[in-house]
Amino acid sequence: MHYDISFPHLGIYLEHVGKSVRVFGFEIAYYGIIIGLAILLGFLIAASEAKRTRQNPEDYLDMGIIGVIAGIAGARIYYVIFSWDMYKDNLLDIFNLREGGLAIYGGVIAAVISVLVLAKVKHLSAPQIFDTIAMALLNGQMLGRWGNFFNREAFGEYTDSLFAMRLPLDAVRSSDVTEQMRRAVQRIDGVSYIQVHPTFLYESFWCMVLLIFLFAYRKHKKYEGELFLLYLFGYGLGRVWIEGLRTDQLLLPGLGIAVSQLLAGLIVIGTGAALLYLRKNHKRMPFLKTEKRYEPMPEKIEGKKPPKTKERIFKFKK
């Protein structure tokens, strides 16, 4: 197998891009390292946002641990369901995450369900939690896509555009290679190469732009839950286009429709309608309003001033 990856029109040539690194005798997949880094940064972003909005960051540590487990499980289950032919003859492969195979929408769905359950248990505001984790989720998607780069997956159809990515034919799954790619195969020094859309890069860049927008807009939001709706709308909008370029689409059995593209379109329509409606009507919905419940003022400690009201963490009534 050949390990080079290049972007010829950008003058970028990487001679050896492995899938893993050996540490103390153990092979650790770059995919796993990137996912781990994305989770860690996601925790930091959510905790920072919780602190900024006078929530208890410790709540997000508890929810984050459960949410990460649920998200990874949901992402894998989603992928396996719509790629059942790849796993039906060897069920143990379902648990092999080293080769990739995580569908982000499955992860988001599972994370949303876990937030709704935990918000009910902890007597917290679900819309506020969704707003707090929106940027953490986007960060995870932005970084997570680079795991696809190392695995040579999640790329698009043949292209000769500026951002065209050249991959050795023997380094990708044969099921991801289309007839158009095969017709345009290039032979360089005896090695066959395909040239494709780097859709992982498109999506990572789109998430970065959306993340910057949410960071800039967060202080101007009108109601709790607005940031999360904007995240779903913006991400879905980009995914509708990007998913149409990919050659490894998960398809609805018997219909041949790309599941993620259909879901993204429905999310764009649904969240777009919700954003338009709530823009004018959110004041009628008390559960979208931040209700501050401050902790009791501690007794004065000799030599120390009691914290100011704005410095105390507020909680919702139980």
C-alpha atoms as a PDB file:
ATOM      1  CA  MET A   1       0.000   0.000   0.000  1.00  0.00           C
ATOM      2  CA  HIS A   2       1.177   3.524  -0.794  1.00  0.00           C
ATOM      3  CA  TYR A   3       0.813   6.248   1.808  1.00  0.00           C
ATOM      4  CA  ASP A   4       1.247   9.523  -0.064  1.00  0.00           C
ATOM      5  CA  ILE A   5      -1.473  12.162  -0.306  1.00  0.00           C
ATOM      6  CA  SER A   6      -1.231  15.272  -2.442  1.00  0.00           C
ATOM      7  CA  PHE A   7      -3.115  18.368  -3.521  1.00  0.00           C
ATOM      8  CA  PRO A   8      -1.348  18.901  -6.865  1.00  0.00           C
ATOM      9  CA  HIS A   9      -2.982  22.208  -7.825  1.00  0.00           C
ATOM     10  CA  LEU A  10      -2.024  23.672  -4.439  1.00  0.00           C
ATOM     11  CA  GLY A  11       1.522  22.355  -4.644  1.00  0.00           C
ATOM     12  CA  ILE A  12       1.101  20.194  -1.514  1.00  0.00           C
ATOM     13  CA  TYR A  13       2.766  16.761  -1.577  1.00  0.00           C
ATOM     14  CA  LEU A  14       2.805  14.574   1.541  1.00  0.00           C
ATOM     15  CA  GLU A  15       4.998  11.532   0.972  1.00  0.00           C
ATOM     16  CA  HIS A  16       3.938   9.405   3.934  1.00  0.00           C
ATOM     17  CA  VAL A  17       0.644   9.853   5.779  1.00  0.00           C
ATOM     18  CA  GLY A  18       0.111   6.853   8.022  1.00  0.00           C
ATOM     19  CA  LYS A  19      -3.103   5.792   9.723  1.00  0.00           C
ATOM     20  CA  SER A  20      -1.578   5.265  13.156  1.00  0.00           C
ATOM     21  CA  VAL A  21       1.403   5.913  15.393  1.00  0.00           C
ATOM     22  CA  ARG A  22       3.216   3.432  17.626  1.00  0.00           C
ATOM     23  CA  VAL A  23       3.525   4.475  21.281  1.00  0.00           C
ATOM     24  CA  PHE A  24       5.267   2.139  23.766  1.00  0.00           C
ATOM     25  CA  GLY A  25       4.618  -0.782  21.458  1.00  0.00           C
ATOM     26  CA  PHE A  26       0.932   0.005  20.915  1.00  0.00           C
ATOM     27  CA  GLU A  27      -0.603   1.130  17.625  1.00  0.00           C
ATOM     28  CA  ILE A  28      -2.822   4.161  18.183  1.00  0.00           C
ATOM     29  CA  ALA A  29      -4.954   5.271  15.246  1.00  0.00           C
ATOM     30  CA  TYR A  30      -4.795   8.942  14.321  1.00  0.00           C
ATOM     31  CA  TYR A  31      -8.576   8.765  13.974  1.00  0.00           C
ATOM     32  CA  GLY A  32      -8.854   7.943  17.682  1.00  0.00           C
ATOM     33  CA  ILE A  33      -6.314  10.603  18.678  1.00  0.00           C
ATOM     34  CA  ILE A  34      -8.265  13.257  16.782  1.00  0.00           C
ATOM     35  CA  ILE A  35     -11.599  12.166  18.276  1.00  0.00           C
ATOM     36  CA  GLY A  36     -10.034  12.237  21.748  1.00  0.00           C
ATOM     37  CA  LEU A  37      -8.637  15.721  21.169  1.00  0.00           C
ATOM     38  CA  ALA A  38     -12.002  16.922  19.847  1.00  0.00           C
ATOM     39  CA  ILE A  39     -13.761  15.572  22.962  1.00  0.00           C
ATOM     40  CA  LEU A  40     -11.261  17.235  25.306  1.00  0.00           C
ATOM     41  CA  LEU A  41     -11.579  20.615  23.587  1.00  0.00           C
ATOM     42  CA  GLY A  42     -15.351  20.175  23.521  1.00  0.00           C
ATOM     43  CA  PHE A  43     -15.355  19.786  27.315  1.00  0.00           C
ATOM     44  CA  LEU A  44     -13.279  22.952  27.679  1.00  0.00           C
ATOM     45  CA  ILE A  45     -15.534  24.960  25.356  1.00  0.00           C
ATOM     46  CA  ALA A  46     -18.737  23.814  27.082  1.00  0.00           C
ATOM     47  CA  ALA A  47     -17.300  24.454  30.562  1.00  0.00           C
ATOM     48  CA  SER A  48     -16.096  27.917  29.526  1.00  0.00           C
ATOM     49  CA  GLU A  49     -19.471  28.786  28.033  1.00  0.00           C
ATOM     50  CA  ALA A  50     -21.237  27.499  31.156  1.00  0.00           C
ATOM     51  CA  LYS A  51     -19.045  29.693  33.347  1.00  0.00           C
ATOM     52  CA  ARG A  52     -19.625  32.714  31.110  1.00  0.00           C
ATOM     53  CA  THR A  53     -23.405  32.306  31.363  1.00  0.00           C
ATOM     54  CA  ARG A  54     -23.304  31.713  35.167  1.00  0.00           C
ATOM     55  CA  GLN A  55     -24.088  28.016  34.999  1.00  0.00           C
ATOM     56  CA  ASN A  56     -22.337  25.320  36.986  1.00  0.00           C
ATOM     57  CA  PRO A  57     -19.497  23.914  34.804  1.00  0.00           C
ATOM     58  CA  GLU A  58     -19.504  20.705  36.871  1.00  0.00           C
ATOM     59  CA  ASP A  59     -22.937  19.864  35.478  1.00  0.00           C
ATOM     60  CA  TYR A  60     -21.373  19.765  32.022  1.00  0.00           C
ATOM     61  CA  LEU A  61     -18.642  17.398  33.143  1.00  0.00           C
ATOM     62  CA  ASP A  62     -21.293  14.940  34.298  1.00  0.00           C
ATOM     63  CA  MET A  63     -23.412  15.396  31.195  1.00  0.00           C
ATOM     64  CA  GLY A  64     -20.371  15.393  28.926  1.00  0.00           C
ATOM     65  CA  ILE A  65     -19.177  11.957  30.022  1.00  0.00           C
ATOM     66  CA  ILE A  66     -22.594  10.427  29.398  1.00  0.00           C
ATOM     67  CA  GLY A  67     -23.088  12.472  26.231  1.00  0.00           C
ATOM     68  CA  VAL A  68     -19.766  11.363  24.722  1.00  0.00           C
ATOM     69  CA  ILE A  69     -20.510   7.693  25.370  1.00  0.00           C
ATOM     70  CA  ALA A  70     -24.029   8.065  23.962  1.00  0.00           C
ATOM     71  CA  GLY A  71     -22.769  10.104  21.007  1.00  0.00           C
ATOM     72  CA  ILE A  72     -20.109   7.591  19.948  1.00  0.00           C
ATOM     73  CA  ALA A  73     -22.541   4.712  20.376  1.00  0.00           C
ATOM     74  CA  GLY A  74     -25.214   6.558  18.400  1.00  0.00           C
ATOM     75  CA  ALA A  75     -22.793   7.502  15.627  1.00  0.00           C
ATOM     76  CA  ARG A  76     -21.672   3.877  15.287  1.00  0.00           C
ATOM     77  CA  ILE A  77     -25.191   2.422  15.411  1.00  0.00           C
ATOM     78  CA  TYR A  78     -26.374   4.882  12.743  1.00  0.00           C
ATOM     79  CA  TYR A  79     -23.461   3.943  10.482  1.00  0.00           C
ATOM     80  CA  VAL A  80     -23.867   0.178  10.989  1.00  0.00           C
ATOM     81  CA  ILE A  81     -27.632   0.259  10.343  1.00  0.00           C
ATOM     82  CA  PHE A  82     -27.183   1.869   6.949  1.00  0.00           C
ATOM     83  CA  SER A  83     -24.042  -0.145   6.096  1.00  0.00           C
ATOM     84  CA  TRP A  84     -25.330  -3.495   7.270  1.00  0.00           C
ATOM     85  CA  ASP A  85     -23.928  -5.394   4.277  1.00  0.00           C
ATOM     86  CA  MET A  86     -20.413  -4.552   5.496  1.00  0.00           C
ATOM     87  CA  TYR A  87     -20.987  -6.109   8.929  1.00  0.00           C
ATOM     88  CA  LYS A  88     -23.604  -8.833   8.613  1.00  0.00           C
ATOM     89  CA  ASP A  89     -21.028 -11.556   7.933  1.00  0.00           C
ATOM     90  CA  ASN A  90     -18.625 -10.481  10.675  1.00  0.00           C
ATOM     91  CA  LEU A  91     -20.451  -8.917  13.605  1.00  0.00           C
ATOM     92  CA  LEU A  92     -17.279  -8.349  15.622  1.00  0.00           C
ATOM     93  CA  ASP A  93     -16.255  -5.683  13.084  1.00  0.00           C
ATOM     94  CA  ILE A  94     -19.055  -3.551  14.498  1.00  0.00           C
ATOM     95  CA  PHE A  95     -16.843  -2.866  17.512  1.00  0.00           C
ATOM     96  CA  ASN A  96     -13.738  -2.024  15.464  1.00  0.00           C
ATOM     97  CA  LEU A  97     -13.649   1.778  15.391  1.00  0.00           C
ATOM     98  CA  ARG A  98     -10.009   1.951  14.303  1.00  0.00           C
ATOM     99  CA  GLU A  99     -11.043   1.966  10.642  1.00  0.00           C
ATOM    100  CA  GLY A 100     -13.584   4.740  11.076  1.00  0.00           C
ATOM    101  CA  GLY A 101     -17.297   4.327  10.524  1.00  0.00           C
ATOM    102  CA  LEU A 102     -18.969   6.987  12.670  1.00  0.00           C
ATOM    103  CA  ALA A 103     -21.949   8.899  11.278  1.00  0.00           C
ATOM    104  CA  ILE A 104     -22.144  12.342  12.866  1.00  0.00           C
ATOM    105  CA  TYR A 105     -25.939  12.588  12.659  1.00  0.00           C
ATOM    106  CA  GLY A 106     -26.273   9.423  14.718  1.00  0.00           C
ATOM    107  CA  GLY A 107     -23.999  10.990  17.324  1.00  0.00           C
ATOM    108  CA  VAL A 108     -25.971  14.239  17.406  1.00  0.00           C
ATOM    109  CA  ILE A 109     -29.295  12.400  17.736  1.00  0.00           C
ATOM    110  CA  ALA A 110     -27.972  10.317  20.629  1.00  0.00           C
ATOM    111  CA  ALA A 111     -26.449  13.391  22.294  1.00  0.00           C
ATOM    112  CA  VAL A 112     -29.754  15.287  22.016  1.00  0.00           C
ATOM    113  CA  ILE A 113     -31.656  12.414  23.641  1.00  0.00           C
ATOM    114  CA  SER A 114     -29.117  12.178  26.476  1.00  0.00           C
ATOM    115  CA  VAL A 115     -29.348  15.952  27.101  1.00  0.00           C
ATOM    116  CA  LEU A 116     -33.159  15.820  27.287  1.00  0.00           C
ATOM    117  CA  VAL A 117     -33.020  12.968  29.794  1.00  0.00           C
ATOM    118  CA  LEU A 118     -30.290  14.524  31.950  1.00  0.00           C
ATOM    119  CA  ALA A 119     -31.936  17.956  31.903  1.00  0.00           C
ATOM    120  CA  LYS A 120     -35.095  16.350  33.253  1.00  0.00           C
ATOM    121  CA  VAL A 121     -33.176  14.460  35.939  1.00  0.00           C
ATOM    122  CA  LYS A 122     -31.087  17.468  37.006  1.00  0.00           C
ATOM    123  CA  HIS A 123     -33.975  19.959  36.692  1.00  0.00           C
ATOM    124  CA  LEU A 124     -32.035  22.136  34.251  1.00  0.00           C
ATOM    125  CA  SER A 125     -33.090  24.033  31.146  1.00  0.00           C
ATOM    126  CA  ALA A 126     -32.663  21.834  28.049  1.00  0.00           C
ATOM    127  CA  PRO A 127     -32.654  24.810  25.621  1.00  0.00           C
ATOM    128  CA  GLN A 128     -29.891  26.469  27.637  1.00  0.00           C
ATOM    129  CA  ILE A 129     -27.869  23.262  27.695  1.00  0.00           C
ATOM    130  CA  PHE A 130     -28.224  22.896  23.916  1.00  0.00           C
ATOM    131  CA  ASP A 131     -26.940  26.444  23.433  1.00  0.00           C
ATOM    132  CA  THR A 132     -24.000  25.770  25.742  1.00  0.00           C
ATOM    133  CA  ILE A 133     -22.904  22.629  23.883  1.00  0.00           C
ATOM    134  CA  ALA A 134     -23.606  23.868  20.333  1.00  0.00           C
ATOM    135  CA  MET A 135     -20.084  25.218  19.827  1.00  0.00           C
ATOM    136  CA  ALA A 136     -18.548  22.158  21.471  1.00  0.00           C
ATOM    137  CA  LEU A 137     -20.376  19.937  18.972  1.00  0.00           C
ATOM    138  CA  LEU A 138     -19.243  22.075  16.051  1.00  0.00           C
ATOM    139  CA  ASN A 139     -15.678  21.930  17.285  1.00  0.00           C
ATOM    140  CA  GLY A 140     -15.933  18.139  17.407  1.00  0.00           C
ATOM    141  CA  GLN A 141     -17.206  17.958  13.847  1.00  0.00           C
ATOM    142  CA  MET A 142     -14.584  20.397  12.577  1.00  0.00           C
ATOM    143  CA  LEU A 143     -11.700  18.411  14.070  1.00  0.00           C
ATOM    144  CA  GLY A 144     -13.239  14.966  13.670  1.00  0.00           C
ATOM    145  CA  ARG A 145     -13.315  15.250   9.888  1.00  0.00           C
ATOM    146  CA  TRP A 146      -9.511  15.152   9.865  1.00  0.00           C
ATOM    147  CA  GLY A 147      -9.753  11.553  11.023  1.00  0.00           C
ATOM    148  CA  ASN A 148     -11.269  10.895   7.585  1.00  0.00           C
ATOM    149  CA  PHE A 149      -8.174  12.443   6.023  1.00  0.00           C
ATOM    150  CA  PHE A 150      -5.852   9.936   7.700  1.00  0.00           C
ATOM    151  CA  ASN A 151      -8.217   7.058   6.872  1.00  0.00           C
ATOM    152  CA  ARG A 152      -8.586   8.120   3.203  1.00  0.00           C
ATOM    153  CA  GLU A 153     -12.375   8.121   3.434  1.00  0.00           C
ATOM    154  CA  ALA A 154     -15.351  10.467   3.144  1.00  0.00           C
ATOM    155  CA  PHE A 155     -14.129  11.936  -0.148  1.00  0.00           C
ATOM    156  CA  GLY A 156     -16.124  12.995  -3.170  1.00  0.00           C
ATOM    157  CA  GLU A 157     -16.360  12.252  -6.883  1.00  0.00           C
ATOM    158  CA  TYR A 158     -13.591  12.883  -9.397  1.00  0.00           C
ATOM    159  CA  THR A 159     -12.565  16.506  -9.825  1.00  0.00           C
ATOM    160  CA  ASP A 160      -9.753  18.534 -11.345  1.00  0.00           C
ATOM    161  CA  SER A 161     -10.604  21.647  -9.344  1.00  0.00           C
ATOM    162  CA  LEU A 162      -8.190  23.779  -7.327  1.00  0.00           C
ATOM    163  CA  PHE A 163      -8.643  21.684  -4.170  1.00  0.00           C
ATOM    164  CA  ALA A 164      -8.491  18.283  -5.891  1.00  0.00           C
ATOM    165  CA  MET A 165      -6.931  15.614  -3.678  1.00  0.00           C
ATOM    166  CA  ARG A 166      -4.848  12.811  -5.199  1.00  0.00           C
ATOM    167  CA  LEU A 167      -4.893   9.409  -3.486  1.00  0.00           C
ATOM    168  CA  PRO A 168      -3.229   6.074  -4.342  1.00  0.00           C
ATOM    169  CA  LEU A 169      -5.877   3.689  -5.625  1.00  0.00           C
ATOM    170  CA  ASP A 170      -4.623   0.883  -3.399  1.00  0.00           C
ATOM    171  CA  ALA A 171      -5.056   3.034  -0.245  1.00  0.00           C
ATOM    172  CA  VAL A 172      -8.844   3.483  -0.479  1.00  0.00           C
ATOM    173  CA  ARG A 173     -11.803   1.138  -0.220  1.00  0.00           C
ATOM    174  CA  SER A 174     -12.800  -0.197  -3.617  1.00  0.00           C
ATOM    175  CA  SER A 175     -16.472   0.436  -2.801  1.00  0.00           C
ATOM    176  CA  ASP A 176     -15.750   4.199  -2.630  1.00  0.00           C
ATOM    177  CA  VAL A 177     -14.227   4.294  -6.132  1.00  0.00           C
ATOM    178  CA  THR A 178     -16.639   5.168  -8.947  1.00  0.00           C
ATOM    179  CA  GLU A 179     -16.438   4.436 -12.648  1.00  0.00           C
ATOM    180  CA  GLN A 180     -15.716   8.104 -13.329  1.00  0.00           C
ATOM    181  CA  MET A 181     -12.706   7.937 -11.012  1.00  0.00           C
ATOM    182  CA  ARG A 182     -11.449   4.770 -12.699  1.00  0.00           C
ATOM    183  CA  ARG A 183     -11.717   6.362 -16.131  1.00  0.00           C
ATOM    184  CA  ALA A 184      -9.581   9.279 -14.904  1.00  0.00           C
ATOM    185  CA  VAL A 185      -6.958   7.176 -13.069  1.00  0.00           C
ATOM    186  CA  GLN A 186      -3.448   8.579 -13.431  1.00  0.00           C
ATOM    187  CA  ARG A 187      -0.312   6.426 -13.492  1.00  0.00           C
ATOM    188  CA  ILE A 188       2.678   8.098 -11.835  1.00  0.00           C
ATOM    189  CA  ASP A 189       5.904   6.131 -11.348  1.00  0.00           C
ATOM    190  CA  GLY A 190       3.972   2.896 -11.697  1.00  0.00           C
ATOM    191  CA  VAL A 191       1.346   3.831  -9.084  1.00  0.00           C
ATOM    192  CA  SER A 192      -2.349   4.369  -9.907  1.00  0.00           C
ATOM    193  CA  TYR A 193      -3.961   7.480  -8.448  1.00  0.00           C
ATOM    194  CA  ILE A 194      -7.496   8.832  -8.247  1.00  0.00           C
ATOM    195  CA  GLN A 195      -8.254  12.538  -7.931  1.00  0.00           C
ATOM    196  CA  VAL A 196     -11.257  13.507  -5.817  1.00  0.00           C
ATOM    197  CA  HIS A 197     -13.119  16.217  -3.929  1.00  0.00           C
ATOM    198  CA  PRO A 198     -11.700  16.435  -0.356  1.00  0.00           C
ATOM    199  CA  THR A 199     -15.174  16.652   1.164  1.00  0.00           C
ATOM    200  CA  PHE A 200     -13.736  16.166   4.656  1.00  0.00           C
ATOM    201  CA  LEU A 201     -11.867  19.456   4.122  1.00  0.00           C
ATOM    202  CA  TYR A 202     -14.962  21.238   2.809  1.00  0.00           C
ATOM    203  CA  GLU A 203     -16.979  20.179   5.842  1.00  0.00           C
ATOM    204  CA  SER A 204     -14.211  21.016   8.307  1.00  0.00           C
ATOM    205  CA  PHE A 205     -13.873  24.509   6.812  1.00  0.00           C
ATOM    206  CA  TRP A 206     -17.660  24.989   6.798  1.00  0.00           C
ATOM    207  CA  CYS A 207     -17.827  24.027  10.488  1.00  0.00           C
ATOM    208  CA  MET A 208     -14.996  26.467  11.278  1.00  0.00           C
ATOM    209  CA  VAL A 209     -16.859  29.348   9.614  1.00  0.00           C
ATOM    210  CA  LEU A 210     -20.069  28.412  11.430  1.00  0.00           C
ATOM    211  CA  LEU A 211     -18.196  28.111  14.739  1.00  0.00           C
ATOM    212  CA  ILE A 212     -16.738  31.617  14.342  1.00  0.00           C
ATOM    213  CA  PHE A 213     -20.223  32.937  13.568  1.00  0.00           C
ATOM    214  CA  LEU A 214     -21.740  31.348  16.684  1.00  0.00           C
ATOM    215  CA  PHE A 215     -18.953  32.702  18.893  1.00  0.00           C
ATOM    216  CA  ALA A 216     -19.623  36.190  17.493  1.00  0.00           C
ATOM    217  CA  TYR A 217     -23.423  35.919  17.746  1.00  0.00           C
ATOM    218  CA  ARG A 218     -23.787  34.265  21.170  1.00  0.00           C
ATOM    219  CA  LYS A 219     -23.996  37.573  23.084  1.00  0.00           C
ATOM    220  CA  HIS A 220     -26.777  38.762  20.788  1.00  0.00           C
ATOM    221  CA  LYS A 221     -29.086  35.751  20.927  1.00  0.00           C
ATOM    222  CA  LYS A 222     -32.734  36.450  21.667  1.00  0.00           C
ATOM    223  CA  TYR A 223     -33.702  33.301  23.568  1.00  0.00           C
ATOM    224  CA  GLU A 224     -32.337  30.032  24.934  1.00  0.00           C
ATOM    225  CA  GLY A 225     -32.014  27.444  22.200  1.00  0.00           C
ATOM    226  CA  GLU A 226     -31.384  29.910  19.384  1.00  0.00           C
ATOM    227  CA  LEU A 227     -27.686  29.051  19.056  1.00  0.00           C
ATOM    228  CA  PHE A 228     -28.448  25.354  18.786  1.00  0.00           C
ATOM    229  CA  LEU A 229     -31.087  25.970  16.114  1.00  0.00           C
ATOM    230  CA  LEU A 230     -28.605  28.120  14.175  1.00  0.00           C
ATOM    231  CA  TYR A 231     -26.024  25.350  14.499  1.00  0.00           C
ATOM    232  CA  LEU A 232     -28.434  22.742  13.121  1.00  0.00           C
ATOM    233  CA  PHE A 233     -29.589  25.039  10.310  1.00  0.00           C
ATOM    234  CA  GLY A 234     -26.079  26.093   9.277  1.00  0.00           C
ATOM    235  CA  TYR A 235     -24.535  22.640   9.497  1.00  0.00           C
ATOM    236  CA  GLY A 236     -27.458  21.057   7.653  1.00  0.00           C
ATOM    237  CA  LEU A 237     -27.217  23.662   4.893  1.00  0.00           C
ATOM    238  CA  GLY A 238     -23.589  22.810   4.231  1.00  0.00           C
ATOM    239  CA  ARG A 239     -24.172  19.077   4.565  1.00  0.00           C
ATOM    240  CA  VAL A 240     -26.898  19.052   1.891  1.00  0.00           C
ATOM    241  CA  TRP A 241     -24.318  20.201  -0.662  1.00  0.00           C
ATOM    242  CA  ILE A 242     -21.281  18.316   0.641  1.00  0.00           C
ATOM    243  CA  GLU A 243     -23.082  15.002   1.053  1.00  0.00           C
ATOM    244  CA  GLY A 244     -24.103  15.160  -2.616  1.00  0.00           C
ATOM    245  CA  LEU A 245     -20.424  15.029  -3.617  1.00  0.00           C
ATOM    246  CA  ARG A 246     -19.485  11.975  -1.536  1.00  0.00           C
ATOM    247  CA  THR A 247     -19.188   8.469  -2.952  1.00  0.00           C
ATOM    248  CA  ASP A 248     -19.586   6.600   0.363  1.00  0.00           C
ATOM    249  CA  GLN A 249     -23.111   7.743   1.085  1.00  0.00           C
ATOM    250  CA  LEU A 250     -25.297   5.737   3.432  1.00  0.00           C
ATOM    251  CA  LEU A 251     -28.420   4.943   1.405  1.00  0.00           C
ATOM    252  CA  LEU A 252     -31.981   4.154   2.403  1.00  0.00           C
ATOM    253  CA  PRO A 253     -32.513   0.461   1.580  1.00  0.00           C
ATOM    254  CA  GLY A 254     -34.524  -0.030  -1.582  1.00  0.00           C
ATOM    255  CA  LEU A 255     -34.770   3.696  -2.353  1.00  0.00           C
ATOM    256  CA  GLY A 256     -31.192   4.651  -3.139  1.00  0.00           C
ATOM    257  CA  ILE A 257     -31.593   8.010  -1.373  1.00  0.00           C
ATOM    258  CA  ALA A 258     -28.672   9.345   0.672  1.00  0.00           C
ATOM    259  CA  VAL A 259     -29.841   9.191   4.289  1.00  0.00           C
ATOM    260  CA  SER A 260     -27.674  12.045   5.592  1.00  0.00           C
ATOM    261  CA  GLN A 261     -28.539  14.326   2.670  1.00  0.00           C
ATOM    262  CA  LEU A 262     -32.259  13.736   3.171  1.00  0.00           C
ATOM    263  CA  LEU A 263     -31.954  14.241   6.924  1.00  0.00           C
ATOM    264  CA  ALA A 264     -29.900  17.410   6.437  1.00  0.00           C
ATOM    265  CA  GLY A 265     -32.550  18.821   4.097  1.00  0.00           C
ATOM    266  CA  LEU A 266     -35.335  18.079   6.574  1.00  0.00           C
ATOM    267  CA  ILE A 267     -33.328  19.670   9.403  1.00  0.00           C
ATOM    268  CA  VAL A 268     -32.723  22.823   7.336  1.00  0.00           C
ATOM    269  CA  ILE A 269     -36.445  23.145   6.586  1.00  0.00           C
ATOM    270  CA  GLY A 270     -37.500  22.380  10.167  1.00  0.00           C
ATOM    271  CA  THR A 271     -34.981  24.603  11.953  1.00  0.00           C
ATOM    272  CA  GLY A 272     -35.385  27.368   9.378  1.00  0.00           C
ATOM    273  CA  ALA A 273     -39.134  27.458  10.063  1.00  0.00           C
ATOM    274  CA  ALA A 274     -38.507  27.340  13.825  1.00  0.00           C
ATOM    275  CA  LEU A 275     -36.018  30.226  13.671  1.00  0.00           C
ATOM    276  CA  LEU A 276     -38.444  32.390  11.702  1.00  0.00           C
ATOM    277  CA  TYR A 277     -41.334  31.607  14.039  1.00  0.00           C
ATOM    278  CA  LEU A 278     -39.428  32.027  17.298  1.00  0.00           C
ATOM    279  CA  ARG A 279     -37.847  35.266  16.152  1.00  0.00           C
ATOM    280  CA  LYS A 280     -41.220  36.918  16.720  1.00  0.00           C
ATOM    281  CA  ASN A 281     -42.897  34.591  19.187  1.00  0.00           C
ATOM    282  CA  HIS A 282     -40.201  33.468  21.631  1.00  0.00           C
ATOM    283  CA  LYS A 283     -41.435  35.849  24.348  1.00  0.00           C
ATOM    284  CA  ARG A 284     -44.629  33.817  24.589  1.00  0.00           C
ATOM    285  CA  MET A 285     -42.648  30.730  25.603  1.00  0.00           C
ATOM    286  CA  PRO A 286     -41.335  30.999  29.175  1.00  0.00           C
ATOM    287  CA  PHE A 287     -39.192  27.841  28.890  1.00  0.00           C
ATOM    288  CA  LEU A 288     -36.982  29.660  26.356  1.00  0.00           C
ATOM    289  CA  LYS A 289     -36.210  32.430  28.819  1.00  0.00           C
ATOM    290  CA  THR A 290     -33.206  32.284  31.155  1.00  0.00           C
ATOM    291  CA  GLU A 291     -34.499  32.218  34.717  1.00  0.00           C
ATOM    292  CA  LYS A 292     -31.776  33.073  37.232  1.00  0.00           C
ATOM    293  CA  ARG A 293     -31.781  31.416  40.629  1.00  0.00           C
ATOM    294  CA  TYR A 294     -28.735  32.526  42.612  1.00  0.00           C
ATOM    295  CA  GLU A 295     -27.134  30.469  45.347  1.00  0.00           C
ATOM    296  CA  PRO A 296     -27.606  31.878  48.884  1.00  0.00           C
ATOM    297  CA  MET A 297     -25.158  34.606  49.860  1.00  0.00           C
ATOM    298  CA  PRO A 298     -22.526  32.989  52.109  1.00  0.00           C
ATOM    299  CA  GLU A 299     -21.835  34.460  55.527  1.00  0.00           C
ATOM    300  CA  LYS A 300     -19.032  36.980  55.652  1.00  0.00           C
ATOM    301  CA  ILE A 301     -15.664  35.347  56.201  1.00  0.00           C
ATOM    302  CA  GLU A 302     -13.191  37.369  58.219  1.00  0.00           C
ATOM    303  CA  GLY A 303     -10.690  39.039  55.966  1.00  0.00           C
ATOM    304  CA  LYS A 304     -12.662  38.266  52.803  1.00  0.00           C
ATOM    305  CA  LYS A 305     -15.460  40.025  51.004  1.00  0.00           C
ATOM    306  CA  PRO A 306     -18.550  38.021  50.014  1.00  0.00           C
ATOM    307  CA  PRO A 307     -18.861  37.471  46.251  1.00  0.00           C
ATOM    308  CA  LYS A 308     -20.897  39.919  44.236  1.00  0.00           C
ATOM    309  CA  THR A 309     -24.286  38.797  43.008  1.00  0.00           C
ATOM    310  CA  LYS A 310     -23.110  38.563  39.408  1.00  0.00           C
ATOM    311  CA  GLU A 311     -20.239  36.307  40.471  1.00  0.00           C
ATOM    312  CA  ARG A 312     -22.467  33.678  42.036  1.00  0.00           C
ATOM    313  CA  ILE A 313     -23.568  30.657  40.022  1.00  0.00           C
ATOM    314  CA  PHE A 314     -27.302  30.456  39.451  1.00  0.00           C
ATOM    315  CA  LYS A 315     -29.333  27.290  39.269  1.00  0.00           C
ATOM    316  CA  PHE A 316     -32.839  26.481  38.188  1.00  0.00           C
ATOM    317  CA  LYS A 317     -35.431  25.692  40.818  1.00  0.00           C
ATOM    318  CA  LYS A 318     -35.930  22.028  41.510  1.00  0.00           C
END
